Amino acid sequence: MEIVDTLGFLRGTWAIVRSIEDHRIGTRGSFKGTATVSAVPIGCHVALEARAHYAEVGEVRFGTYTGQARRTLEYRQLDDVTVMIYFANGRPFVDLDLSTGAWQSDHLCGDDRHEIATFVRSGNIVEERWRVQGPMTNYEAIAIHTRVR
């Protein structure tokens, strides 16, 4: 599937189901929740770029633990199709270009390497595959995002 505007395509509300497998400790987990990607207004005191705020909230189950989980990210459009994703504190995370319907990106976080592959399965389904490895980290996660609206 071809996407001509990554940021525009991602805007909306998504249901998320994520499976997590920690190979280091042999534990599996899951996350179920929602993510909202909402436009950030362009103002006269803000750089003239398209931006969006990503807010994810839900329940994580990992081993015997069950609890609430949340994260926020910021998206900034770099060109017609590429979006740069930033952590909530402003640090760069990864870029994302869904123009061909698939994208891979890497992020180094200390000694950990995050390999992230994103696939547009349809106009309403996006799949993410994460592989994270480092001296104390070794896990895989698969997330299915289904558009709610």
N, C-alpha and C. Protein backbone atom coordinates (compact mmCIF):
# COMPACT_ATOMS: atom_id res chain seq x y z
N MET A 1 0.84 -1.18 0.00
CA MET A 1 0.00 0.00 0.00
C MET A 1 0.89 1.24 0.00
N GLU A 2 0.58 2.18 -0.84
CA GLU A 2 1.36 3.41 -0.94
C GLU A 2 0.71 4.50 -0.08
N ILE A 3 1.54 5.20 0.69
CA ILE A 3 1.08 6.29 1.55
C ILE A 3 1.77 7.57 1.06
N VAL A 4 1.00 8.61 0.77
CA VAL A 4 1.59 9.86 0.27
C VAL A 4 1.86 10.86 1.39
N ASP A 5 1.27 10.65 2.58
CA ASP A 5 1.45 11.56 3.71
C ASP A 5 1.46 10.73 4.99
N THR A 6 2.64 10.36 5.47
CA THR A 6 2.76 9.50 6.65
C THR A 6 2.05 10.10 7.85
N LEU A 7 2.30 11.38 8.12
CA LEU A 7 1.69 12.01 9.29
C LEU A 7 0.17 12.06 9.16
N GLY A 8 -0.32 12.42 8.01
CA GLY A 8 -1.76 12.46 7.79
C GLY A 8 -2.40 11.09 7.94
N PHE A 9 -1.73 10.07 7.43
CA PHE A 9 -2.23 8.70 7.54
C PHE A 9 -2.33 8.25 9.00
N LEU A 10 -1.37 8.63 9.82
CA LEU A 10 -1.32 8.17 11.21
C LEU A 10 -2.27 8.90 12.14
N ARG A 11 -2.72 10.10 11.75
CA ARG A 11 -3.62 10.85 12.63
C ARG A 11 -4.90 10.07 12.87
N GLY A 12 -5.35 10.09 14.13
CA GLY A 12 -6.58 9.41 14.49
C GLY A 12 -6.40 8.62 15.78
N THR A 13 -7.34 7.74 16.03
CA THR A 13 -7.31 6.90 17.23
C THR A 13 -7.15 5.45 16.80
N TRP A 14 -6.24 4.75 17.47
CA TRP A 14 -5.89 3.37 17.13
C TRP A 14 -6.03 2.48 18.35
N ALA A 15 -6.62 1.29 18.17
CA ALA A 15 -6.58 0.25 19.20
C ALA A 15 -5.26 -0.49 19.02
N ILE A 16 -4.60 -0.82 20.12
CA ILE A 16 -3.29 -1.48 20.05
C ILE A 16 -3.35 -2.80 20.82
N VAL A 17 -2.84 -3.84 20.20
CA VAL A 17 -2.58 -5.12 20.87
C VAL A 17 -1.12 -5.43 20.61
N ARG A 18 -0.34 -5.56 21.69
CA ARG A 18 1.11 -5.79 21.57
C ARG A 18 1.49 -7.04 22.34
N SER A 19 2.24 -7.92 21.71
CA SER A 19 2.81 -9.07 22.41
C SER A 19 4.29 -8.80 22.64
N ILE A 20 4.79 -9.25 23.77
CA ILE A 20 6.18 -9.01 24.16
C ILE A 20 6.78 -10.33 24.60
N GLU A 21 7.96 -10.63 24.09
CA GLU A 21 8.65 -11.85 24.51
C GLU A 21 10.06 -11.48 24.93
N ASP A 22 10.34 -11.63 26.21
CA ASP A 22 11.67 -11.34 26.76
C ASP A 22 12.49 -12.62 26.72
N HIS A 23 13.45 -12.69 25.80
CA HIS A 23 14.27 -13.89 25.65
C HIS A 23 15.29 -14.05 26.77
N ARG A 24 15.65 -12.96 27.41
CA ARG A 24 16.65 -13.00 28.47
C ARG A 24 16.11 -13.70 29.71
N ILE A 25 14.86 -13.40 30.08
CA ILE A 25 14.31 -14.00 31.30
C ILE A 25 13.22 -15.02 31.01
N GLY A 26 12.90 -15.22 29.72
CA GLY A 26 11.93 -16.25 29.35
C GLY A 26 10.50 -15.92 29.75
N THR A 27 10.13 -14.65 29.68
CA THR A 27 8.79 -14.22 30.07
C THR A 27 8.07 -13.58 28.90
N ARG A 28 6.78 -13.85 28.82
CA ARG A 28 5.94 -13.23 27.79
C ARG A 28 4.99 -12.24 28.44
N GLY A 29 4.61 -11.26 27.64
CA GLY A 29 3.68 -10.27 28.15
C GLY A 29 2.81 -9.72 27.03
N SER A 30 1.92 -8.81 27.41
CA SER A 30 1.04 -8.20 26.42
C SER A 30 0.67 -6.79 26.87
N PHE A 31 0.23 -6.03 25.89
CA PHE A 31 -0.30 -4.69 26.14
C PHE A 31 -1.56 -4.56 25.32
N LYS A 32 -2.61 -4.00 25.91
CA LYS A 32 -3.84 -3.68 25.18
C LYS A 32 -4.23 -2.27 25.57
N GLY A 33 -4.49 -1.45 24.56
CA GLY A 33 -4.85 -0.08 24.85
C GLY A 33 -5.18 0.68 23.59
N THR A 34 -5.07 2.00 23.69
CA THR A 34 -5.33 2.87 22.55
C THR A 34 -4.22 3.89 22.42
N ALA A 35 -4.08 4.38 21.20
CA ALA A 35 -3.16 5.48 20.92
C ALA A 35 -3.92 6.52 20.13
N THR A 36 -3.70 7.76 20.47
CA THR A 36 -4.29 8.87 19.73
C THR A 36 -3.15 9.70 19.14
N VAL A 37 -3.23 9.93 17.84
CA VAL A 37 -2.27 10.78 17.14
C VAL A 37 -3.05 12.02 16.73
N SER A 38 -2.77 13.12 17.43
CA SER A 38 -3.54 14.35 17.20
C SER A 38 -2.63 15.47 16.71
N ALA A 39 -3.15 16.25 15.80
CA ALA A 39 -2.40 17.36 15.21
C ALA A 39 -2.07 18.40 16.27
N VAL A 40 -0.89 18.98 16.15
CA VAL A 40 -0.48 20.10 16.99
C VAL A 40 -0.63 21.35 16.13
N PRO A 41 -1.41 22.34 16.57
CA PRO A 41 -1.60 23.53 15.75
C PRO A 41 -0.28 24.24 15.45
N ILE A 42 -0.18 24.74 14.25
CA ILE A 42 0.99 25.54 13.86
C ILE A 42 0.69 26.98 14.25
N GLY A 43 1.54 27.53 15.12
CA GLY A 43 1.32 28.91 15.58
C GLY A 43 2.43 29.82 15.10
N CYS A 44 2.28 31.09 15.35
CA CYS A 44 3.25 32.06 14.87
C CYS A 44 4.58 31.96 15.60
N HIS A 45 4.60 31.31 16.78
CA HIS A 45 5.86 31.18 17.53
C HIS A 45 6.43 29.77 17.46
N VAL A 46 5.90 28.96 16.57
CA VAL A 46 6.35 27.59 16.41
C VAL A 46 6.89 27.43 14.99
N ALA A 47 7.90 26.59 14.83
CA ALA A 47 8.43 26.34 13.49
C ALA A 47 7.29 25.92 12.57
N LEU A 48 7.34 26.38 11.35
CA LEU A 48 6.28 26.09 10.39
C LEU A 48 6.44 24.67 9.85
N GLU A 49 6.02 23.72 10.65
CA GLU A 49 6.10 22.31 10.26
C GLU A 49 4.87 21.59 10.79
N ALA A 50 4.47 20.56 10.10
CA ALA A 50 3.35 19.76 10.57
C ALA A 50 3.84 18.90 11.73
N ARG A 51 3.06 18.86 12.80
CA ARG A 51 3.43 18.10 13.98
C ARG A 51 2.22 17.37 14.52
N ALA A 52 2.48 16.34 15.29
CA ALA A 52 1.39 15.61 15.95
C ALA A 52 1.91 15.08 17.29
N HIS A 53 0.98 14.85 18.19
CA HIS A 53 1.26 14.32 19.52
C HIS A 53 0.70 12.89 19.57
N TYR A 54 1.52 11.95 20.03
CA TYR A 54 1.13 10.55 20.17
C TYR A 54 0.96 10.26 21.65
N ALA A 55 -0.24 9.81 22.03
CA ALA A 55 -0.50 9.47 23.43
C ALA A 55 -1.06 8.04 23.47
N GLU A 56 -0.34 7.16 24.17
CA GLU A 56 -0.72 5.75 24.27
C GLU A 56 -1.03 5.44 25.73
N VAL A 57 -2.14 4.73 25.96
CA VAL A 57 -2.51 4.34 27.31
C VAL A 57 -3.19 2.98 27.26
N GLY A 58 -2.93 2.16 28.27
CA GLY A 58 -3.56 0.85 28.30
C GLY A 58 -3.08 0.04 29.47
N GLU A 59 -3.27 -1.27 29.37
CA GLU A 59 -2.88 -2.18 30.43
C GLU A 59 -1.80 -3.13 29.94
N VAL A 60 -0.75 -3.27 30.72
CA VAL A 60 0.32 -4.20 30.40
C VAL A 60 0.24 -5.38 31.37
N ARG A 61 0.46 -6.56 30.82
CA ARG A 61 0.58 -7.79 31.62
C ARG A 61 1.93 -8.38 31.27
N PHE A 62 2.76 -8.59 32.29
CA PHE A 62 4.09 -9.13 32.05
C PHE A 62 4.45 -10.03 33.21
N GLY A 63 4.50 -11.33 32.94
CA GLY A 63 4.70 -12.28 34.03
C GLY A 63 3.54 -12.18 35.00
N THR A 64 3.83 -11.95 36.27
CA THR A 64 2.77 -11.82 37.27
C THR A 64 2.29 -10.39 37.44
N TYR A 65 2.94 -9.45 36.76
CA TYR A 65 2.58 -8.03 36.89
C TYR A 65 1.46 -7.65 35.93
N THR A 66 0.48 -6.89 36.44
CA THR A 66 -0.55 -6.26 35.62
C THR A 66 -0.70 -4.83 36.10
N GLY A 67 -0.68 -3.89 35.16
CA GLY A 67 -0.81 -2.48 35.56
C GLY A 67 -1.00 -1.58 34.36
N GLN A 68 -1.22 -0.32 34.66
CA GLN A 68 -1.41 0.68 33.62
C GLN A 68 -0.06 1.05 33.00
N ALA A 69 -0.10 1.34 31.72
CA ALA A 69 1.10 1.78 31.01
C ALA A 69 0.71 2.93 30.10
N ARG A 70 1.65 3.83 29.90
CA ARG A 70 1.41 4.96 29.00
C ARG A 70 2.74 5.47 28.46
N ARG A 71 2.66 6.09 27.29
CA ARG A 71 3.82 6.78 26.75
C ARG A 71 3.34 7.85 25.80
N THR A 72 4.18 8.86 25.63
CA THR A 72 3.89 9.93 24.69
C THR A 72 5.10 10.13 23.79
N LEU A 73 4.82 10.51 22.56
CA LEU A 73 5.85 10.80 21.58
C LEU A 73 5.42 12.05 20.81
N GLU A 74 6.36 12.66 20.14
CA GLU A 74 6.06 13.79 19.28
C GLU A 74 6.48 13.44 17.86
N TYR A 75 5.64 13.76 16.89
CA TYR A 75 5.92 13.51 15.48
C TYR A 75 6.11 14.86 14.79
N ARG A 76 7.15 14.95 13.95
CA ARG A 76 7.37 16.16 13.15
C ARG A 76 7.61 15.75 11.70
N GLN A 77 6.84 16.34 10.83
CA GLN A 77 6.96 16.02 9.41
C GLN A 77 8.23 16.67 8.86
N LEU A 78 9.08 15.85 8.21
CA LEU A 78 10.32 16.35 7.63
C LEU A 78 10.16 16.74 6.17
N ASP A 79 9.36 15.97 5.44
CA ASP A 79 9.06 16.26 4.04
C ASP A 79 7.68 15.69 3.75
N ASP A 80 7.35 15.48 2.51
CA ASP A 80 6.00 15.02 2.17
C ASP A 80 5.63 13.70 2.83
N VAL A 81 6.60 12.80 3.01
CA VAL A 81 6.26 11.48 3.53
C VAL A 81 7.01 11.09 4.80
N THR A 82 8.11 11.69 5.12
CA THR A 82 8.93 11.27 6.26
C THR A 82 8.58 12.05 7.52
N VAL A 83 8.45 11.31 8.62
CA VAL A 83 8.17 11.88 9.93
C VAL A 83 9.33 11.52 10.84
N MET A 84 9.79 12.48 11.64
CA MET A 84 10.77 12.21 12.68
C MET A 84 10.01 12.06 13.98
N ILE A 85 10.30 10.98 14.71
CA ILE A 85 9.62 10.71 15.97
C ILE A 85 10.57 11.06 17.11
N TYR A 86 10.07 11.81 18.08
CA TYR A 86 10.85 12.24 19.23
C TYR A 86 10.23 11.70 20.51
N PHE A 87 11.08 11.41 21.49
CA PHE A 87 10.59 11.08 22.82
C PHE A 87 9.92 12.32 23.41
N ALA A 88 9.16 12.15 24.48
CA ALA A 88 8.46 13.26 25.12
C ALA A 88 9.43 14.35 25.60
N ASN A 89 10.68 13.97 25.91
CA ASN A 89 11.65 14.95 26.39
C ASN A 89 12.39 15.66 25.25
N GLY A 90 12.00 15.39 23.99
CA GLY A 90 12.60 16.07 22.85
C GLY A 90 13.76 15.35 22.19
N ARG A 91 14.23 14.24 22.79
CA ARG A 91 15.32 13.48 22.17
C ARG A 91 14.82 12.77 20.91
N PRO A 92 15.61 12.77 19.85
CA PRO A 92 15.21 12.05 18.63
C PRO A 92 15.13 10.55 18.89
N PHE A 93 14.14 9.91 18.28
CA PHE A 93 13.96 8.46 18.42
C PHE A 93 14.25 7.80 17.07
N VAL A 94 13.30 7.78 16.16
CA VAL A 94 13.49 7.17 14.84
C VAL A 94 12.74 7.99 13.79
N ASP A 95 13.12 7.78 12.54
CA ASP A 95 12.35 8.38 11.45
C ASP A 95 11.39 7.32 10.92
N LEU A 96 10.37 7.78 10.21
CA LEU A 96 9.34 6.88 9.69
C LEU A 96 8.86 7.40 8.34
N ASP A 97 8.96 6.56 7.34
CA ASP A 97 8.52 6.89 5.97
C ASP A 97 7.69 5.72 5.48
N LEU A 98 6.38 5.91 5.42
CA LEU A 98 5.48 4.83 5.03
C LEU A 98 5.09 4.89 3.55
N SER A 99 5.84 5.63 2.75
CA SER A 99 5.46 5.83 1.35
C SER A 99 5.30 4.52 0.57
N THR A 100 6.09 3.50 0.90
CA THR A 100 5.97 2.22 0.20
C THR A 100 5.14 1.21 0.98
N GLY A 101 4.68 1.61 2.16
CA GLY A 101 3.89 0.70 2.99
C GLY A 101 4.73 -0.10 3.97
N ALA A 102 6.05 0.08 3.92
CA ALA A 102 6.95 -0.63 4.86
C ALA A 102 8.16 0.25 5.13
N TRP A 103 8.70 0.14 6.36
CA TRP A 103 9.85 0.96 6.73
C TRP A 103 10.61 0.29 7.85
N GLN A 104 11.92 0.42 7.83
CA GLN A 104 12.77 -0.07 8.92
C GLN A 104 13.63 1.07 9.41
N SER A 105 13.85 1.09 10.73
CA SER A 105 14.68 2.11 11.32
C SER A 105 15.35 1.53 12.56
N ASP A 106 16.49 2.10 12.92
CA ASP A 106 17.24 1.67 14.10
C ASP A 106 17.41 2.83 15.06
N HIS A 107 17.50 2.50 16.34
CA HIS A 107 17.74 3.49 17.37
C HIS A 107 18.72 2.89 18.38
N LEU A 108 19.80 3.60 18.64
CA LEU A 108 20.74 3.19 19.67
C LEU A 108 20.39 3.93 20.95
N CYS A 109 20.21 3.18 22.02
CA CYS A 109 19.89 3.76 23.32
C CYS A 109 20.91 3.20 24.31
N GLY A 110 21.95 3.95 24.56
CA GLY A 110 23.05 3.43 25.36
C GLY A 110 23.67 2.25 24.62
N ASP A 111 23.74 1.11 25.28
CA ASP A 111 24.29 -0.10 24.65
C ASP A 111 23.21 -0.94 23.97
N ASP A 112 21.97 -0.49 24.01
CA ASP A 112 20.87 -1.25 23.41
C ASP A 112 20.61 -0.78 21.99
N ARG A 113 20.32 -1.74 21.13
CA ARG A 113 19.96 -1.44 19.74
C ARG A 113 18.51 -1.83 19.50
N HIS A 114 17.70 -0.86 19.10
CA HIS A 114 16.29 -1.06 18.78
C HIS A 114 16.16 -1.13 17.26
N GLU A 115 15.72 -2.26 16.75
CA GLU A 115 15.44 -2.40 15.32
C GLU A 115 13.92 -2.44 15.19
N ILE A 116 13.37 -1.51 14.43
CA ILE A 116 11.92 -1.38 14.33
C ILE A 116 11.52 -1.46 12.86
N ALA A 117 10.59 -2.35 12.57
CA ALA A 117 10.03 -2.47 11.22
C ALA A 117 8.54 -2.17 11.31
N THR A 118 8.07 -1.35 10.38
CA THR A 118 6.66 -0.95 10.35
C THR A 118 6.06 -1.33 9.01
N PHE A 119 4.87 -1.94 9.05
CA PHE A 119 4.21 -2.39 7.83
C PHE A 119 2.76 -1.90 7.82
N VAL A 120 2.35 -1.26 6.74
CA VAL A 120 0.96 -0.87 6.56
C VAL A 120 0.27 -2.07 5.93
N ARG A 121 -0.62 -2.70 6.67
CA ARG A 121 -1.31 -3.89 6.18
C ARG A 121 -2.57 -3.53 5.40
N SER A 122 -3.17 -2.37 5.74
CA SER A 122 -4.33 -1.85 5.03
C SER A 122 -4.49 -0.40 5.46
N GLY A 123 -5.53 0.25 5.00
CA GLY A 123 -5.77 1.63 5.41
C GLY A 123 -6.12 1.76 6.88
N ASN A 124 -6.40 0.63 7.53
CA ASN A 124 -6.81 0.65 8.93
C ASN A 124 -5.97 -0.22 9.84
N ILE A 125 -4.92 -0.85 9.32
CA ILE A 125 -4.09 -1.73 10.14
C ILE A 125 -2.62 -1.46 9.87
N VAL A 126 -1.87 -1.22 10.96
CA VAL A 126 -0.43 -1.03 10.90
C VAL A 126 0.21 -2.00 11.88
N GLU A 127 1.27 -2.68 11.44
CA GLU A 127 1.99 -3.62 12.29
C GLU A 127 3.39 -3.09 12.55
N GLU A 128 3.81 -3.18 13.81
CA GLU A 128 5.18 -2.84 14.20
C GLU A 128 5.86 -4.08 14.76
N ARG A 129 7.10 -4.28 14.37
CA ARG A 129 7.91 -5.38 14.91
C ARG A 129 9.19 -4.76 15.49
N TRP A 130 9.42 -5.03 16.76
CA TRP A 130 10.58 -4.51 17.48
C TRP A 130 11.50 -5.67 17.84
N ARG A 131 12.79 -5.44 17.69
CA ARG A 131 13.83 -6.35 18.18
C ARG A 131 14.80 -5.47 18.94
N VAL A 132 14.94 -5.72 20.24
CA VAL A 132 15.82 -4.90 21.09
C VAL A 132 16.85 -5.81 21.73
N GLN A 133 18.11 -5.47 21.51
CA GLN A 133 19.20 -6.27 22.07
C GLN A 133 20.27 -5.36 22.67
N GLY A 134 20.84 -5.84 23.74
CA GLY A 134 21.93 -5.14 24.42
C GLY A 134 22.49 -6.05 25.48
N PRO A 135 23.44 -5.55 26.25
CA PRO A 135 24.07 -6.39 27.28
C PRO A 135 23.08 -6.96 28.30
N MET A 136 22.04 -6.20 28.62
CA MET A 136 21.06 -6.64 29.62
C MET A 136 19.66 -6.75 29.03
N THR A 137 19.54 -6.67 27.70
CA THR A 137 18.23 -6.62 27.05
C THR A 137 18.20 -7.57 25.87
N ASN A 138 17.10 -8.30 25.73
CA ASN A 138 16.91 -9.18 24.59
C ASN A 138 15.43 -9.52 24.49
N TYR A 139 14.69 -8.66 23.75
CA TYR A 139 13.25 -8.93 23.62
C TYR A 139 12.75 -8.58 22.23
N GLU A 140 11.58 -9.15 21.92
CA GLU A 140 10.87 -8.86 20.68
C GLU A 140 9.46 -8.45 21.04
N ALA A 141 8.91 -7.54 20.26
CA ALA A 141 7.53 -7.12 20.47
C ALA A 141 6.88 -6.96 19.10
N ILE A 142 5.63 -7.36 19.02
CA ILE A 142 4.83 -7.18 17.81
C ILE A 142 3.57 -6.45 18.23
N ALA A 143 3.30 -5.32 17.57
CA ALA A 143 2.11 -4.54 17.87
C ALA A 143 1.24 -4.41 16.63
N ILE A 144 -0.04 -4.64 16.80
CA ILE A 144 -1.02 -4.42 15.75
C ILE A 144 -1.85 -3.21 16.14
N HIS A 145 -1.81 -2.19 15.28
CA HIS A 145 -2.59 -0.97 15.48
C HIS A 145 -3.78 -1.03 14.52
N THR A 146 -4.98 -0.95 15.05
CA THR A 146 -6.19 -0.98 14.23
C THR A 146 -6.92 0.35 14.40
N ARG A 147 -7.17 1.01 13.27
CA ARG A 147 -7.79 2.34 13.34
C ARG A 147 -9.20 2.23 13.91
N VAL A 148 -9.48 3.08 14.91
CA VAL A 148 -10.80 3.18 15.51
C VAL A 148 -11.58 4.31 14.83
N ARG A 149 -10.87 5.41 14.58
CA ARG A 149 -11.45 6.56 13.85
C ARG A 149 -10.36 7.48 13.40
